[in-house]
Protein backbone atom coordinates (compact mmCIF):
# COMPACT_ATOMS: atom_id res chain seq x y z
CA MET A 1 -41.00 24.74 18.14
CA PRO A 2 -39.92 27.78 18.23
CA VAL A 3 -36.39 29.42 17.87
CA ARG A 4 -35.96 32.53 19.81
CA ASP A 5 -33.12 35.27 18.33
CA GLN A 6 -31.79 32.60 15.67
CA LYS A 7 -30.03 35.28 13.32
CA THR A 8 -28.24 36.55 16.81
CA MET A 9 -27.11 33.35 18.05
CA SER A 10 -26.23 32.18 14.60
CA ASN A 11 -23.20 34.80 14.90
CA LEU A 12 -21.80 33.03 17.76
CA PRO A 13 -19.45 30.56 17.91
CA PRO A 14 -20.64 27.29 19.34
CA LEU A 15 -20.99 26.90 22.84
CA ALA A 16 -18.13 24.26 23.37
CA GLU A 17 -15.96 27.27 21.26
CA ARG A 18 -17.13 29.93 23.40
CA MET A 19 -16.70 27.76 26.70
CA ARG A 20 -12.62 26.89 25.91
CA PRO A 21 -10.74 26.30 29.18
CA GLU A 22 -8.68 29.90 29.64
CA ASN A 23 -6.41 28.62 32.32
CA PRO A 24 -5.57 24.73 33.66
CA GLU A 25 -8.18 25.20 36.41
CA ASP A 26 -11.06 25.16 34.05
CA PHE A 27 -10.57 22.18 32.65
CA VAL A 28 -12.91 19.56 33.44
CA GLY A 29 -11.12 16.43 34.84
CA GLN A 30 -7.68 15.46 33.87
CA GLN A 31 -6.33 16.31 37.21
CA HIS A 32 -3.50 13.84 36.52
CA LEU A 33 -2.77 16.39 34.22
CA PHE A 34 -3.52 19.76 34.95
CA GLY A 35 -3.68 19.23 38.91
CA SER A 36 -0.76 21.42 41.08
CA GLY A 37 2.61 20.52 39.61
CA LYS A 38 1.37 17.94 37.21
CA PRO A 39 3.28 17.85 33.73
CA LEU A 40 1.17 19.64 31.26
CA GLN A 41 0.37 22.62 33.83
CA SER A 42 4.04 22.88 34.18
CA VAL A 43 4.31 23.16 30.43
CA LEU A 44 1.79 25.93 30.22
CA GLN A 45 3.68 28.11 33.72
CA ASP A 46 7.22 26.99 31.98
CA ASP A 47 8.01 27.60 28.34
CA ASN A 48 11.72 25.83 29.49
CA LEU A 49 9.68 22.39 30.09
CA LEU A 50 8.27 22.38 26.38
CA HIS A 51 8.51 19.00 25.02
CA SER A 52 7.42 16.99 21.78
CA MET A 53 4.16 15.17 23.00
CA ILE A 54 1.50 12.98 22.09
CA LEU A 55 -2.16 13.74 23.43
CA TRP A 56 -4.01 10.42 23.48
CA GLY A 57 -8.10 10.39 24.31
CA PRO A 58 -11.38 10.02 23.25
CA PRO A 59 -13.06 12.91 21.19
CA GLY A 60 -14.26 16.06 23.45
CA THR A 61 -11.39 15.45 26.41
CA GLY A 62 -9.25 18.28 25.92
CA LYS A 63 -6.56 17.51 23.71
CA THR A 64 -7.35 20.64 21.32
CA SER A 65 -8.42 22.93 24.31
CA PHE A 66 -4.58 21.84 25.57
CA ALA A 67 -3.17 23.54 22.39
CA HIS A 68 -5.29 26.55 22.49
CA LEU A 69 -3.41 27.44 26.19
CA LEU A 70 -0.17 26.67 24.75
CA SER A 71 -0.90 28.87 21.65
CA LYS A 72 -1.63 31.72 24.74
CA SER A 73 1.05 30.72 27.19
CA ALA A 74 4.53 30.07 24.92
CA LYS A 75 6.99 32.40 24.40
CA ARG A 76 7.62 30.73 20.47
CA LYS A 77 5.64 30.58 17.28
CA PHE A 78 2.48 28.42 17.17
CA PHE A 79 1.77 26.44 14.09
CA ALA A 80 -1.84 24.71 14.09
CA LEU A 81 -2.40 22.04 11.48
CA SER A 82 -4.88 19.07 11.05
CA ALA A 83 -3.83 16.03 9.15
CA SER A 84 -7.26 15.68 8.12
CA ASP A 85 -6.98 18.50 5.21
CA THR A 86 -2.83 19.01 5.00
CA GLY A 87 0.20 17.25 3.94
CA ILE A 88 3.83 16.71 3.80
CA LYS A 89 3.81 20.15 2.05
CA SER A 90 2.63 21.91 4.76
CA VAL A 91 4.78 20.48 7.14
CA ARG A 92 7.80 20.71 5.14
CA GLU A 93 7.10 24.13 4.96
CA ILE A 94 6.84 24.66 8.79
CA LEU A 95 10.23 23.18 8.93
CA GLU A 96 11.68 25.34 6.60
CA ILE A 97 10.39 28.32 8.60
CA ALA A 98 11.72 26.75 11.76
CA ARG A 99 15.34 26.73 10.57
CA ASP A 100 15.23 29.71 9.81
CA MET A 101 14.29 30.69 12.99
CA ILE A 102 17.06 28.76 14.92
CA ASN A 103 19.56 29.95 12.34
CA THR A 104 19.07 33.53 13.66
CA HIS A 105 18.66 32.34 17.32
CA GLN A 106 15.21 32.32 17.84
CA PRO A 107 12.87 29.96 19.99
CA SER A 108 12.40 26.68 17.67
CA PRO A 109 8.22 27.23 16.96
CA ILE A 110 5.41 24.56 18.39
CA LEU A 111 3.88 22.10 15.76
CA PHE A 112 -0.09 21.34 16.60
CA LEU A 113 -0.75 18.54 14.47
CA ASP A 114 -4.72 17.40 15.42
CA GLU A 115 -5.42 13.94 14.31
CA ILE A 116 -2.00 13.04 13.60
CA HIS A 117 -2.85 9.57 13.03
CA ARG A 118 -4.22 10.29 9.91
CA PHE A 119 -0.92 10.99 8.50
CA SER A 120 0.67 8.02 6.87
CA LYS A 121 3.90 6.48 7.73
CA SER A 122 5.37 8.59 4.96
CA GLN A 123 4.02 11.44 6.43
CA GLN A 124 4.53 10.82 9.89
CA ASP A 125 8.36 10.52 8.60
CA SER A 126 8.70 13.90 7.53
CA LEU A 127 8.38 14.78 11.01
CA LEU A 128 10.90 13.10 12.39
CA SER A 129 14.24 14.94 12.08
CA GLY A 130 12.05 18.04 12.53
CA VAL A 131 11.36 16.50 16.21
CA GLU A 132 14.74 14.63 16.90
CA LYS A 133 17.18 17.70 16.21
CA GLY A 134 14.87 20.35 18.26
CA ILE A 135 13.49 22.60 15.41
CA ILE A 136 10.20 21.89 16.47
CA SER A 137 8.11 20.99 19.28
CA LEU A 138 5.53 18.49 18.18
CA ILE A 139 2.11 18.58 19.94
CA GLY A 140 0.33 15.58 18.00
CA ALA A 141 -3.60 15.23 19.09
CA THR A 142 -4.89 11.71 18.57
CA THR A 143 -8.12 9.51 19.28
CA GLU A 144 -6.09 6.30 18.53
CA ASN A 145 -3.93 4.04 20.35
CA PRO A 146 -0.24 6.12 19.43
CA SER A 147 0.73 2.45 20.11
CA PHE A 148 -0.67 1.44 16.63
CA GLU A 149 -0.90 4.69 14.93
CA ILE A 150 2.24 6.39 15.50
CA ASN A 151 5.68 5.62 14.30
CA LYS A 152 7.80 3.79 16.63
CA ALA A 153 11.32 6.32 15.91
CA LEU A 154 8.31 9.23 16.09
CA LEU A 155 6.53 7.77 19.30
CA SER A 156 9.83 7.13 20.79
CA ARG A 157 10.78 10.94 20.91
CA CYS A 158 7.77 12.12 22.54
CA ARG A 159 5.75 11.72 25.58
CA VAL A 160 2.78 10.33 25.43
CA TYR A 161 -0.22 11.94 27.72
CA ARG A 162 -3.85 10.06 28.35
CA PHE A 163 -6.55 12.19 28.11
CA GLU A 164 -9.39 10.22 30.06
CA GLU A 165 -13.13 10.77 29.98
CA PRO A 166 -14.87 13.07 32.70
CA GLY A 167 -16.89 11.69 35.34
CA LYS A 168 -20.50 11.91 35.82
CA GLU A 169 -20.16 14.98 38.16
CA ASP A 170 -17.46 16.60 36.31
CA LEU A 171 -19.90 16.64 33.69
CA ILE A 172 -22.36 18.22 36.23
CA THR A 173 -20.06 20.66 37.64
CA LEU A 174 -19.41 22.16 33.53
CA LEU A 175 -22.91 22.22 32.92
CA GLU A 176 -23.88 24.31 35.98
CA LYS A 177 -21.27 26.65 35.08
CA VAL A 178 -21.86 26.64 31.61
CA ILE A 179 -25.44 27.90 32.15
CA LYS A 180 -23.96 30.61 34.73
CA LYS A 181 -21.21 32.18 32.98
CA ASP A 182 -22.29 31.37 29.28
CA PRO A 183 -23.49 35.16 28.36
CA GLN A 184 -26.03 33.55 25.59
CA LEU A 185 -27.36 30.95 27.99
CA SER A 186 -26.87 33.13 31.33
CA SER A 187 -29.96 35.15 29.71
CA GLN A 188 -32.31 32.34 28.77
CA ASN A 189 -33.26 31.06 32.65
CA LEU A 190 -31.82 27.46 32.52
CA VAL A 191 -32.92 25.33 35.25
CA LEU A 192 -30.89 21.86 35.42
CA LYS A 193 -33.55 19.58 36.64
CA GLU A 194 -32.50 16.11 35.26
CA THR A 195 -28.85 14.99 33.76
CA ASP A 196 -29.38 11.58 32.92
CA PHE A 197 -30.46 11.54 29.53
CA ILE A 198 -27.99 14.66 28.30
CA LEU A 199 -25.13 13.22 30.09
CA ARG A 200 -25.96 9.38 28.14
CA TYR A 201 -25.99 11.05 24.61
CA SER A 202 -22.70 13.22 25.32
CA GLY A 203 -21.08 9.73 25.96
CA GLY A 204 -18.22 11.60 28.09
CA ASP A 205 -17.29 13.81 24.97
CA ILE A 206 -17.35 17.56 26.38
CA ARG A 207 -18.07 18.97 22.69
CA ARG A 208 -21.15 16.92 22.31
CA LEU A 209 -22.46 17.53 26.04
CA LEU A 210 -22.24 21.23 25.49
CA ASN A 211 -23.56 21.32 21.89
CA ALA A 212 -26.64 18.98 22.95
CA LEU A 213 -27.33 21.49 25.99
CA GLU A 214 -27.15 24.45 23.23
CA ALA A 215 -29.62 22.74 21.02
CA VAL A 216 -31.81 22.05 23.70
CA SER A 217 -31.60 25.93 24.90
CA GLN A 218 -32.55 27.28 21.41
CA PHE A 219 -35.56 24.79 20.58
CA SER A 220 -37.54 24.26 24.06
CA GLU A 221 -40.43 26.11 24.99
CA LYS A 222 -40.14 28.06 27.98
CA GLY A 223 -42.55 27.12 30.97
CA GLU A 224 -44.82 29.06 32.80
CA LYS A 225 -42.14 31.27 34.93
CA GLY A 226 -39.96 32.13 31.90
CA GLU A 227 -37.39 29.17 32.68
CA ILE A 228 -36.44 26.19 30.48
CA GLU A 229 -35.80 23.30 31.68
CA ILE A 230 -33.03 20.84 31.20
CA SER A 231 -34.78 17.68 31.81
CA ASN A 232 -34.51 14.29 30.64
CA GLU A 233 -38.03 14.77 28.51
CA ASN A 234 -37.06 17.63 26.87
CA CYS A 235 -33.61 16.41 25.87
CA MET A 236 -34.89 13.22 24.79
CA ARG A 237 -37.46 15.60 22.71
CA VAL A 238 -35.10 17.54 20.80
CA LEU A 239 -32.31 15.28 20.45
CA GLN A 240 -34.98 13.05 19.35
CA GLU A 241 -32.90 9.59 19.72
CA HIS A 242 -29.60 8.59 21.79
CA PHE A 243 -26.95 6.86 20.13
CA PRO A 244 -24.23 5.86 22.09
CA ALA A 245 -21.16 7.76 21.14
CA TYR A 246 -19.45 4.86 19.37
CA ASP A 247 -16.87 5.51 16.87
CA LYS A 248 -15.77 2.16 14.97
CA ASP A 249 -12.94 3.62 13.71
CA GLY A 250 -11.48 4.62 17.26
CA ASP A 251 -10.70 3.71 20.48
CA GLN A 252 -14.56 2.20 21.41
CA HIS A 253 -13.80 0.16 18.55
CA TYR A 254 -11.07 -1.52 20.07
CA ASP A 255 -12.47 -1.60 23.81
CA LEU A 256 -15.64 -2.61 23.11
CA VAL A 257 -14.78 -6.11 21.77
CA SER A 258 -11.98 -6.15 24.29
CA ALA A 259 -14.88 -6.33 26.88
CA MET A 260 -16.75 -9.18 24.49
CA ILE A 261 -13.98 -11.31 24.03
CA LYS A 262 -13.03 -10.83 28.02
CA SER A 263 -16.54 -11.69 28.92
CA ILE A 264 -16.51 -14.65 26.82
CA ARG A 265 -12.86 -15.90 28.37
CA GLY A 266 -14.72 -15.17 31.72
CA SER A 267 -17.69 -17.39 30.86
CA ASP A 268 -20.13 -14.80 31.60
CA PRO A 269 -22.51 -14.89 28.31
CA ASP A 270 -24.78 -12.15 29.65
CA ALA A 271 -21.64 -9.61 29.82
CA ALA A 272 -20.37 -10.98 26.30
CA LEU A 273 -24.37 -10.31 24.46
CA TYR A 274 -24.58 -6.69 25.85
CA TRP A 275 -20.74 -5.41 24.82
CA MET A 276 -22.01 -6.99 21.35
CA PHE A 277 -24.99 -5.10 21.16
CA ARG A 278 -23.57 -2.05 21.76
CA MET A 279 -21.17 -2.38 19.31
CA LEU A 280 -24.10 -3.98 16.74
CA HIS A 281 -25.90 -0.90 17.74
CA GLY A 282 -22.95 1.73 17.33
CA GLY A 283 -22.67 0.34 13.62
CA GLU A 284 -20.07 -1.74 14.05
CA ASP A 285 -19.94 -4.31 10.72
CA PRO A 286 -20.82 -7.83 11.83
CA VAL A 287 -18.30 -9.73 9.94
CA PHE A 288 -15.69 -7.30 12.34
CA ILE A 289 -16.62 -8.92 15.30
CA CYS A 290 -17.84 -12.56 14.02
CA ARG A 291 -13.68 -12.74 13.12
CA ARG A 292 -13.11 -11.90 16.60
CA LEU A 293 -15.26 -14.76 17.76
CA ILE A 294 -13.24 -17.59 15.95
CA ILE A 295 -10.03 -16.07 17.25
CA SER A 296 -11.72 -16.42 20.64
CA ALA A 297 -12.88 -19.99 19.75
CA SER A 298 -9.16 -20.51 19.20
CA GLU A 299 -7.63 -18.62 21.71
CA ASP A 300 -9.39 -18.77 24.85
CA ILE A 301 -11.68 -22.36 24.27
CA GLY A 302 -9.38 -24.13 21.83
CA LEU A 303 -8.79 -27.96 22.35
CA ALA A 304 -11.40 -28.04 25.45
CA ASN A 305 -14.31 -27.63 22.88
CA PRO A 306 -13.08 -27.99 19.12
CA ASN A 307 -16.65 -27.69 18.07
CA ALA A 308 -16.25 -23.73 18.98
CA LEU A 309 -14.31 -23.27 16.33
CA LEU A 310 -16.41 -24.85 13.64
CA LEU A 311 -20.02 -22.84 15.16
CA ALA A 312 -17.70 -19.68 14.92
CA THR A 313 -16.72 -20.25 11.46
CA SER A 314 -19.99 -20.85 10.69
CA CYS A 315 -21.22 -17.94 12.20
CA LEU A 316 -19.32 -15.75 10.06
CA ASP A 317 -20.40 -17.93 7.07
CA ALA A 318 -23.97 -16.95 8.35
CA VAL A 319 -23.67 -13.82 8.90
CA ARG A 320 -22.55 -12.93 5.12
CA ASN A 321 -25.38 -14.91 3.97
CA ILE A 322 -28.38 -13.47 6.20
CA GLY A 323 -26.79 -10.01 7.44
CA ILE A 324 -28.59 -7.85 9.93
CA PRO A 325 -30.97 -7.85 11.61
CA GLU A 326 -31.73 -11.73 11.45
CA CYS A 327 -27.82 -12.57 11.53
CA GLU A 328 -27.99 -11.27 15.16
CA ILE A 329 -29.74 -14.69 16.00
CA THR A 330 -26.87 -16.70 14.71
CA MET A 331 -24.20 -14.07 16.35
CA SER A 332 -26.11 -14.06 19.88
CA GLN A 333 -26.22 -18.17 19.83
CA CYS A 334 -22.32 -18.17 18.79
CA VAL A 335 -21.60 -15.92 21.79
CA ILE A 336 -23.84 -17.84 24.19
CA TYR A 337 -22.30 -20.93 23.22
CA LEU A 338 -18.77 -19.90 23.15
CA ALA A 339 -19.27 -18.14 26.53
CA SER A 340 -20.30 -21.26 28.22
CA SER A 341 -18.08 -23.99 26.83
CA PRO A 342 -15.27 -25.10 28.56
CA LYS A 343 -12.08 -23.21 28.49
CA SER A 344 -8.12 -24.05 27.46
CA ASN A 345 -5.69 -21.64 26.19
CA SER A 346 -3.19 -24.43 25.50
CA ALA A 347 -2.82 -24.13 22.09
CA TYR A 348 -2.31 -20.38 22.17
CA VAL A 349 0.35 -20.84 25.19
CA ALA A 350 1.82 -23.45 22.89
CA ARG A 351 1.88 -21.15 20.00
CA ASN A 352 3.83 -18.37 21.89
CA LYS A 353 6.29 -21.10 22.88
CA ALA A 354 7.15 -22.16 19.36
CA LYS A 355 7.20 -18.64 18.20
CA LYS A 356 9.71 -17.34 20.54
CA LEU A 357 11.93 -20.37 20.18
CA VAL A 358 11.58 -19.75 16.22
CA ARG A 359 12.96 -16.33 16.94
CA GLU A 360 15.73 -17.47 19.45
CA MET A 361 17.05 -20.72 17.70
CA ASN A 362 15.82 -20.67 13.70
CA GLU A 363 19.35 -21.94 12.87
CA HIS A 364 18.34 -25.75 12.42
CA GLN A 365 18.83 -27.64 9.72
CA VAL A 366 15.72 -30.14 8.89
CA PRO A 367 17.13 -33.64 9.64
CA LEU A 368 17.90 -35.75 6.57
CA HIS A 369 15.21 -38.38 7.43
CA LEU A 370 12.35 -36.16 6.80
CA ARG A 371 13.27 -34.28 3.74
CA ASN A 372 12.13 -35.51 0.21
CA ALA A 373 14.24 -37.34 -1.87
CA THR A 374 13.20 -35.48 -5.10
CA SER A 375 16.10 -36.59 -7.14
CA LYS A 376 19.03 -38.85 -7.31
CA ILE A 377 21.47 -36.66 -6.17
CA VAL A 378 19.84 -35.73 -2.82
CA LYS A 379 18.89 -39.45 -2.79
CA ASP A 380 22.33 -40.33 -2.84
CA LEU A 381 23.20 -37.65 0.26
CA GLY A 382 20.60 -39.26 2.43
CA TYR A 383 17.61 -37.23 1.91
CA GLY A 384 14.54 -39.27 3.14
CA LYS A 385 16.58 -42.41 4.37
CA ASP A 386 15.55 -44.25 7.51
CA TYR A 387 11.98 -42.46 7.27
CA LEU A 388 9.57 -44.41 9.00
CA TYR A 389 5.77 -44.03 7.13
CA PRO A 390 3.44 -44.20 10.18
CA HIS A 391 0.71 -45.33 8.18
CA ASN A 392 2.51 -49.27 7.73
CA TYR A 393 2.45 -49.68 11.41
CA LYS A 394 0.06 -50.50 13.76
CA ASP A 395 -2.47 -47.88 14.91
CA HIS A 396 -0.72 -45.56 12.09
CA PHE A 397 2.11 -44.63 14.56
CA VAL A 398 5.62 -45.39 14.58
CA LYS A 399 8.60 -43.83 16.78
CA GLN A 400 10.89 -41.51 15.66
CA HIS A 401 12.42 -38.16 16.22
CA TYR A 402 10.61 -35.25 13.96
CA LEU A 403 13.19 -32.54 15.91
CA PRO A 404 16.88 -31.37 15.11
CA GLU A 405 19.27 -33.24 16.90
CA GLN A 406 20.07 -29.93 19.10
CA LEU A 407 16.02 -29.91 20.21
CA LYS A 408 15.32 -33.31 21.45
CA GLY A 409 13.34 -33.58 24.38
CA LEU A 410 11.23 -30.23 23.33
CA LYS A 411 7.94 -30.01 24.81
CA LEU A 412 6.03 -26.84 23.71
CA TYR A 413 1.95 -28.21 23.76
CA GLU A 414 1.49 -28.84 27.76
CA ALA A 415 -2.37 -30.46 27.92
CA ALA A 416 -5.22 -28.38 29.99
CA ASP A 417 -7.22 -30.56 32.51
CA ASN A 418 -10.27 -30.55 30.69
CA PRO A 419 -12.12 -34.02 29.23
CA THR A 420 -10.99 -33.17 25.91
CA GLU A 421 -7.63 -32.89 26.23
CA SER A 422 -7.23 -35.43 29.03
CA LYS A 423 -8.11 -37.86 26.35
CA MET A 424 -5.66 -36.34 23.83
CA ASN A 425 -2.78 -36.27 26.21
CA GLU A 426 -3.41 -40.14 27.77
CA ARG A 427 -3.10 -41.07 24.20
CA LEU A 428 0.17 -39.03 23.67
CA LYS A 429 1.42 -40.22 26.32
CA LYS A 430 0.38 -44.39 25.18
CA TRP A 431 2.15 -43.55 22.01
CA TRP A 432 5.04 -41.99 23.23
CA SER A 433 5.84 -43.70 26.36
CA ASN A 434 9.56 -44.80 26.62
CA ASN A 435 10.56 -42.67 23.52
CA PRO A 436 14.06 -41.74 23.63
CA LYS A 437 13.17 -38.01 23.02
CA LYS A 438 11.47 -37.47 26.37
């Protein structure tokens, strides 16, 4: 495959870098942030509105581009670091510079910290005082959910802005614009014939989309009229094989497994299988998926079909013993079974009630008759006195109190309406009928 003007092109920055937005209107999508009167557009237009913030979104949605624009428009010093290749020392040096600037009545500087989620808790703590006292304005960029990856204290001092994946029409408009505007591509007579493959290949990542476009322009043969077709066939040939944009350490790691679990909960085996294989195709660890299936077996199916938990735990054992690709059969069997099972979250609801109760009321003592009389001293104090051993009674049951006196009558478990739990509930009612605790 011929490569044209490779020497000249190698001296150019990548297309994605060449096409960084020069003003808010150039952003693809993100109108909720950069439309007229929207928050980040206002920050770019008025330095007095600058504040510490966390930019959260998938790769290639414009977080770094916003920092690029801010560095040009801000009327203050701008520092840029990446958490993947820097540490506390660099941050402390910037904070010292910032303090000196404040002491000499200069505007506080901006610190753009890319991949802030890669900073440990102690590293994030080093930013706290600077942000809290207004010594710096922190702009942190992350692909991870800030609720999980950013310290609560630091997060409370920042506003979070969500960057969304651009829509199909936005991406097509961008391709058309880039082909016309970029000096290198505009001279190559590119014809945008089809976009399905290249858009799928990008996975909504603008950087990946533009890198793919540049690769196709470089490694495609010209047609009879001297044009280079951006077609599905041409893109497939150049880019070889489409791999879904799945980051098993990023947001999609959680988004796709959430979709699988919700599909199981909603009793849709087809959707559950689809999301599971999306994860497997993207390189997800099958053990991680199986652990989520075990959770679903208890949370969403629970006592309506206790065998679901047995099958899910057996599935994990099988995956560890067999491995990919054969374990995919076992995993498919498990997903179909879970999705097709009757559902009950009664155990999950009871668990939540119990946790809430313990958080609010954890001072009650264990009744004396439930304590072990491990010595004569505690036995004389009444430990174990009047305890009734259920196995000594008919049906291995005897009525007695098992809760603290203050909690008599407490009911945490409510049986769901399914055959298995209905039988359990009938048994409980029979045992505890006319019981004073009720």
